[in-house]
Each structure stands twice: as structure tokens, then as C-alpha cells.
Amino acid sequence: MTHISDSRVSFIVTGPDAPNFLSKGCGIDLYSTSFEPGKVVTTRFAGLPAMLMRRSGDVYVIYFDVASAGYVLDWMLDAVDEFRA
């Protein structure tokens, strides 16, 4: 077992547009009934290795290597513009 808490950063994405927002960065079908709450998948998000968890209905947590935090934050801030009212 390896303790990884200091090597990962997580982002919580919530709301009714969360699946659409996350779909911009990965190819996981977030509307599929097979991706139910509690499910965790490894994928690539914004071109980086990531772990994506559906915590509950419209709450998702996505984990990255901590060294990627700045890049991911910039990517998310750019991508979220499309969803602002």
C-alpha cells in the first residue's frame, strides 16, 4: 500500500451541467446508467491521466497528480466560460 494523499489534487464539479462540462475533457459517458453514484474510473481528462468518481447525483470528483494542478485549473477556468449564464 502506498500513501498518495500528498501526491494528488482533487477538483469537485457539481450541478446540472457537470456531465456536459466534464465531457469536454474526457470520453466517459457520464449519462450512462452504468456510471452510477459511487463508481470510479481511470481515464484521461484534458489530456492527463485522471481518476473520476461520481460521488452522488450531480457531484463528481476528479483526481490528478498534484504537479498538474495549475494546468488543470487553467483548463477548467477556460472551459467553464461556455456554461456561465
N, C-alpha and C. Protein backbone atom coordinates (compact mmCIF):
# COMPACT_ATOMS: atom_id res chain seq x y z
N MET A 1 0.84 -1.16 0.00
CA MET A 1 0.00 0.00 0.00
C MET A 1 0.89 1.24 0.00
N THR A 2 0.49 2.23 -0.78
CA THR A 2 1.23 3.48 -0.86
C THR A 2 0.31 4.63 -0.50
N HIS A 3 0.76 5.45 0.42
CA HIS A 3 0.01 6.64 0.82
C HIS A 3 0.17 7.68 -0.29
N ILE A 4 -0.94 8.11 -0.89
CA ILE A 4 -0.85 9.02 -2.03
C ILE A 4 -1.49 10.38 -1.80
N SER A 5 -1.97 10.65 -0.60
CA SER A 5 -2.75 11.87 -0.41
C SER A 5 -1.98 13.14 -0.75
N ASP A 6 -0.68 13.16 -0.53
CA ASP A 6 0.10 14.35 -0.86
C ASP A 6 0.48 14.43 -2.33
N SER A 7 0.21 13.37 -3.08
CA SER A 7 0.59 13.37 -4.48
C SER A 7 -0.59 13.64 -5.42
N ARG A 8 -1.77 13.80 -4.88
CA ARG A 8 -2.97 14.01 -5.69
C ARG A 8 -3.66 15.31 -5.31
N VAL A 9 -4.31 15.89 -6.30
CA VAL A 9 -5.16 17.05 -6.08
C VAL A 9 -6.54 16.67 -6.62
N SER A 10 -7.58 17.16 -5.97
CA SER A 10 -8.92 16.83 -6.44
C SER A 10 -9.69 18.11 -6.74
N PHE A 11 -10.56 17.99 -7.71
CA PHE A 11 -11.48 19.07 -8.08
C PHE A 11 -12.89 18.50 -7.97
N ILE A 12 -13.78 19.24 -7.34
CA ILE A 12 -15.18 18.82 -7.23
C ILE A 12 -15.98 19.63 -8.24
N VAL A 13 -16.73 18.93 -9.07
CA VAL A 13 -17.55 19.56 -10.09
C VAL A 13 -19.00 19.18 -9.80
N THR A 14 -19.86 20.18 -9.63
CA THR A 14 -21.25 19.91 -9.27
C THR A 14 -22.21 20.68 -10.15
N GLY A 15 -23.45 20.27 -10.10
CA GLY A 15 -24.51 20.99 -10.77
C GLY A 15 -25.07 20.24 -11.97
N PRO A 16 -26.19 20.72 -12.48
CA PRO A 16 -26.84 20.03 -13.59
C PRO A 16 -26.01 19.99 -14.87
N ASP A 17 -25.08 20.92 -15.05
CA ASP A 17 -24.22 20.92 -16.24
C ASP A 17 -22.91 20.16 -16.02
N ALA A 18 -22.72 19.57 -14.85
CA ALA A 18 -21.47 18.86 -14.55
C ALA A 18 -21.13 17.80 -15.60
N PRO A 19 -22.08 16.95 -16.01
CA PRO A 19 -21.73 15.95 -17.02
C PRO A 19 -21.28 16.57 -18.35
N ASN A 20 -21.95 17.64 -18.77
CA ASN A 20 -21.56 18.31 -20.03
C ASN A 20 -20.18 18.93 -19.91
N PHE A 21 -19.93 19.57 -18.78
CA PHE A 21 -18.63 20.20 -18.54
C PHE A 21 -17.52 19.15 -18.55
N LEU A 22 -17.71 18.07 -17.80
CA LEU A 22 -16.69 17.03 -17.72
C LEU A 22 -16.50 16.31 -19.06
N SER A 23 -17.56 16.21 -19.84
CA SER A 23 -17.45 15.56 -21.15
C SER A 23 -16.54 16.32 -22.11
N LYS A 24 -16.33 17.61 -21.85
CA LYS A 24 -15.40 18.38 -22.67
C LYS A 24 -13.97 17.87 -22.51
N GLY A 25 -13.68 17.25 -21.36
CA GLY A 25 -12.32 16.82 -21.08
C GLY A 25 -12.07 15.34 -21.15
N CYS A 26 -13.13 14.53 -21.20
CA CYS A 26 -12.91 13.07 -21.24
C CYS A 26 -13.98 12.38 -22.06
N GLY A 27 -13.73 11.15 -22.40
CA GLY A 27 -14.64 10.39 -23.24
C GLY A 27 -15.58 9.47 -22.48
N ILE A 28 -15.69 9.62 -21.18
CA ILE A 28 -16.57 8.77 -20.38
C ILE A 28 -18.02 9.20 -20.60
N ASP A 29 -18.92 8.24 -20.79
CA ASP A 29 -20.34 8.54 -20.93
C ASP A 29 -20.92 8.76 -19.54
N LEU A 30 -21.00 10.01 -19.13
CA LEU A 30 -21.44 10.34 -17.78
C LEU A 30 -22.95 10.24 -17.63
N TYR A 31 -23.67 10.08 -18.72
CA TYR A 31 -25.12 9.91 -18.66
C TYR A 31 -25.52 8.45 -18.60
N SER A 32 -24.58 7.58 -18.79
CA SER A 32 -24.85 6.15 -18.79
C SER A 32 -25.32 5.70 -17.41
N THR A 33 -26.28 4.80 -17.40
CA THR A 33 -26.74 4.26 -16.11
C THR A 33 -25.66 3.41 -15.46
N SER A 34 -24.65 3.01 -16.21
CA SER A 34 -23.57 2.23 -15.62
C SER A 34 -22.60 3.10 -14.83
N PHE A 35 -22.64 4.43 -15.01
CA PHE A 35 -21.78 5.33 -14.24
C PHE A 35 -22.61 5.93 -13.11
N GLU A 36 -22.99 5.06 -12.20
CA GLU A 36 -23.87 5.45 -11.09
C GLU A 36 -23.06 6.02 -9.93
N PRO A 37 -23.72 6.67 -8.99
CA PRO A 37 -23.01 7.21 -7.82
C PRO A 37 -22.19 6.12 -7.11
N GLY A 38 -20.97 6.50 -6.74
CA GLY A 38 -20.04 5.58 -6.10
C GLY A 38 -19.05 4.96 -7.08
N LYS A 39 -19.32 5.07 -8.36
CA LYS A 39 -18.45 4.49 -9.39
C LYS A 39 -17.20 5.35 -9.57
N VAL A 40 -16.07 4.69 -9.79
CA VAL A 40 -14.78 5.36 -10.03
C VAL A 40 -14.17 4.76 -11.29
N VAL A 41 -13.66 5.61 -12.16
CA VAL A 41 -12.98 5.15 -13.37
C VAL A 41 -11.66 5.88 -13.53
N THR A 42 -10.72 5.22 -14.16
CA THR A 42 -9.49 5.90 -14.56
C THR A 42 -9.67 6.29 -16.02
N THR A 43 -9.19 7.45 -16.37
CA THR A 43 -9.39 7.98 -17.71
C THR A 43 -8.32 9.02 -18.00
N ARG A 44 -8.45 9.68 -19.10
CA ARG A 44 -7.64 10.86 -19.40
C ARG A 44 -8.59 12.03 -19.42
N PHE A 45 -8.18 13.11 -18.79
CA PHE A 45 -9.00 14.31 -18.73
C PHE A 45 -8.11 15.47 -19.11
N ALA A 46 -8.53 16.26 -20.09
CA ALA A 46 -7.72 17.37 -20.59
C ALA A 46 -6.33 16.88 -20.98
N GLY A 47 -6.27 15.65 -21.47
CA GLY A 47 -5.01 15.07 -21.92
C GLY A 47 -4.13 14.48 -20.83
N LEU A 48 -4.61 14.47 -19.59
CA LEU A 48 -3.80 13.98 -18.47
C LEU A 48 -4.44 12.75 -17.83
N PRO A 49 -3.63 11.86 -17.26
CA PRO A 49 -4.20 10.74 -16.51
C PRO A 49 -5.02 11.28 -15.33
N ALA A 50 -6.17 10.67 -15.11
CA ALA A 50 -7.05 11.14 -14.04
C ALA A 50 -7.89 9.98 -13.51
N MET A 51 -8.44 10.20 -12.34
CA MET A 51 -9.40 9.28 -11.75
C MET A 51 -10.67 10.08 -11.49
N LEU A 52 -11.78 9.60 -12.01
CA LEU A 52 -13.05 10.31 -11.91
C LEU A 52 -14.03 9.49 -11.09
N MET A 53 -14.64 10.15 -10.09
CA MET A 53 -15.61 9.49 -9.23
C MET A 53 -16.92 10.26 -9.29
N ARG A 54 -18.00 9.52 -9.39
CA ARG A 54 -19.32 10.14 -9.26
C ARG A 54 -19.74 9.95 -7.80
N ARG A 55 -19.70 11.03 -7.05
CA ARG A 55 -19.99 10.95 -5.62
C ARG A 55 -21.48 10.79 -5.36
N SER A 56 -22.30 11.56 -6.06
CA SER A 56 -23.76 11.46 -5.94
C SER A 56 -24.37 11.99 -7.22
N GLY A 57 -25.66 12.19 -7.25
CA GLY A 57 -26.37 12.58 -8.47
C GLY A 57 -25.61 13.47 -9.43
N ASP A 58 -25.34 14.71 -9.03
CA ASP A 58 -24.61 15.62 -9.93
C ASP A 58 -23.34 16.15 -9.27
N VAL A 59 -22.73 15.32 -8.46
CA VAL A 59 -21.47 15.68 -7.80
C VAL A 59 -20.39 14.70 -8.25
N TYR A 60 -19.34 15.26 -8.86
CA TYR A 60 -18.22 14.47 -9.37
C TYR A 60 -16.93 14.97 -8.74
N VAL A 61 -16.00 14.06 -8.51
CA VAL A 61 -14.67 14.42 -8.01
C VAL A 61 -13.67 13.86 -9.00
N ILE A 62 -12.74 14.69 -9.42
CA ILE A 62 -11.72 14.25 -10.36
C ILE A 62 -10.35 14.50 -9.75
N TYR A 63 -9.52 13.46 -9.78
CA TYR A 63 -8.20 13.48 -9.14
C TYR A 63 -7.10 13.48 -10.19
N PHE A 64 -6.07 14.28 -9.92
CA PHE A 64 -4.90 14.38 -10.79
C PHE A 64 -3.64 14.34 -9.96
N ASP A 65 -2.52 14.10 -10.62
CA ASP A 65 -1.22 14.28 -9.98
C ASP A 65 -1.11 15.74 -9.57
N VAL A 66 -0.61 15.99 -8.38
CA VAL A 66 -0.56 17.36 -7.85
C VAL A 66 0.26 18.29 -8.75
N ALA A 67 1.23 17.77 -9.47
CA ALA A 67 2.04 18.61 -10.35
C ALA A 67 1.23 19.19 -11.50
N SER A 68 0.07 18.62 -11.77
CA SER A 68 -0.79 19.08 -12.87
C SER A 68 -1.84 20.09 -12.43
N ALA A 69 -1.88 20.44 -11.17
CA ALA A 69 -2.96 21.27 -10.62
C ALA A 69 -3.13 22.59 -11.38
N GLY A 70 -2.05 23.29 -11.63
CA GLY A 70 -2.14 24.58 -12.32
C GLY A 70 -2.69 24.46 -13.72
N TYR A 71 -2.21 23.46 -14.46
CA TYR A 71 -2.69 23.24 -15.82
C TYR A 71 -4.18 22.91 -15.81
N VAL A 72 -4.59 22.01 -14.91
CA VAL A 72 -6.00 21.61 -14.86
C VAL A 72 -6.89 22.78 -14.46
N LEU A 73 -6.46 23.56 -13.50
CA LEU A 73 -7.24 24.73 -13.09
C LEU A 73 -7.41 25.70 -14.26
N ASP A 74 -6.34 25.98 -14.98
CA ASP A 74 -6.43 26.86 -16.15
C ASP A 74 -7.38 26.28 -17.20
N TRP A 75 -7.28 24.96 -17.44
CA TRP A 75 -8.14 24.30 -18.41
C TRP A 75 -9.60 24.46 -17.99
N MET A 76 -9.89 24.20 -16.72
CA MET A 76 -11.26 24.28 -16.23
C MET A 76 -11.81 25.71 -16.28
N LEU A 77 -11.00 26.68 -15.93
CA LEU A 77 -11.45 28.07 -15.98
C LEU A 77 -11.78 28.49 -17.40
N ASP A 78 -11.00 28.00 -18.36
CA ASP A 78 -11.27 28.29 -19.76
C ASP A 78 -12.54 27.57 -20.22
N ALA A 79 -12.68 26.31 -19.86
CA ALA A 79 -13.82 25.50 -20.32
C ALA A 79 -15.14 25.94 -19.71
N VAL A 80 -15.11 26.48 -18.50
CA VAL A 80 -16.36 26.83 -17.81
C VAL A 80 -17.04 28.05 -18.42
N ASP A 81 -16.32 28.86 -19.17
CA ASP A 81 -16.91 30.06 -19.78
C ASP A 81 -18.17 29.73 -20.57
N GLU A 82 -18.17 28.61 -21.23
CA GLU A 82 -19.31 28.19 -22.05
C GLU A 82 -20.57 27.96 -21.21
N PHE A 83 -20.42 27.68 -19.93
CA PHE A 83 -21.55 27.33 -19.08
C PHE A 83 -22.03 28.47 -18.20
N ARG A 84 -21.38 29.60 -18.27
CA ARG A 84 -21.80 30.75 -17.46
C ARG A 84 -23.02 31.41 -18.08
N ALA A 85 -23.94 31.79 -17.23
CA ALA A 85 -25.19 32.41 -17.71
C ALA A 85 -25.00 33.88 -17.98
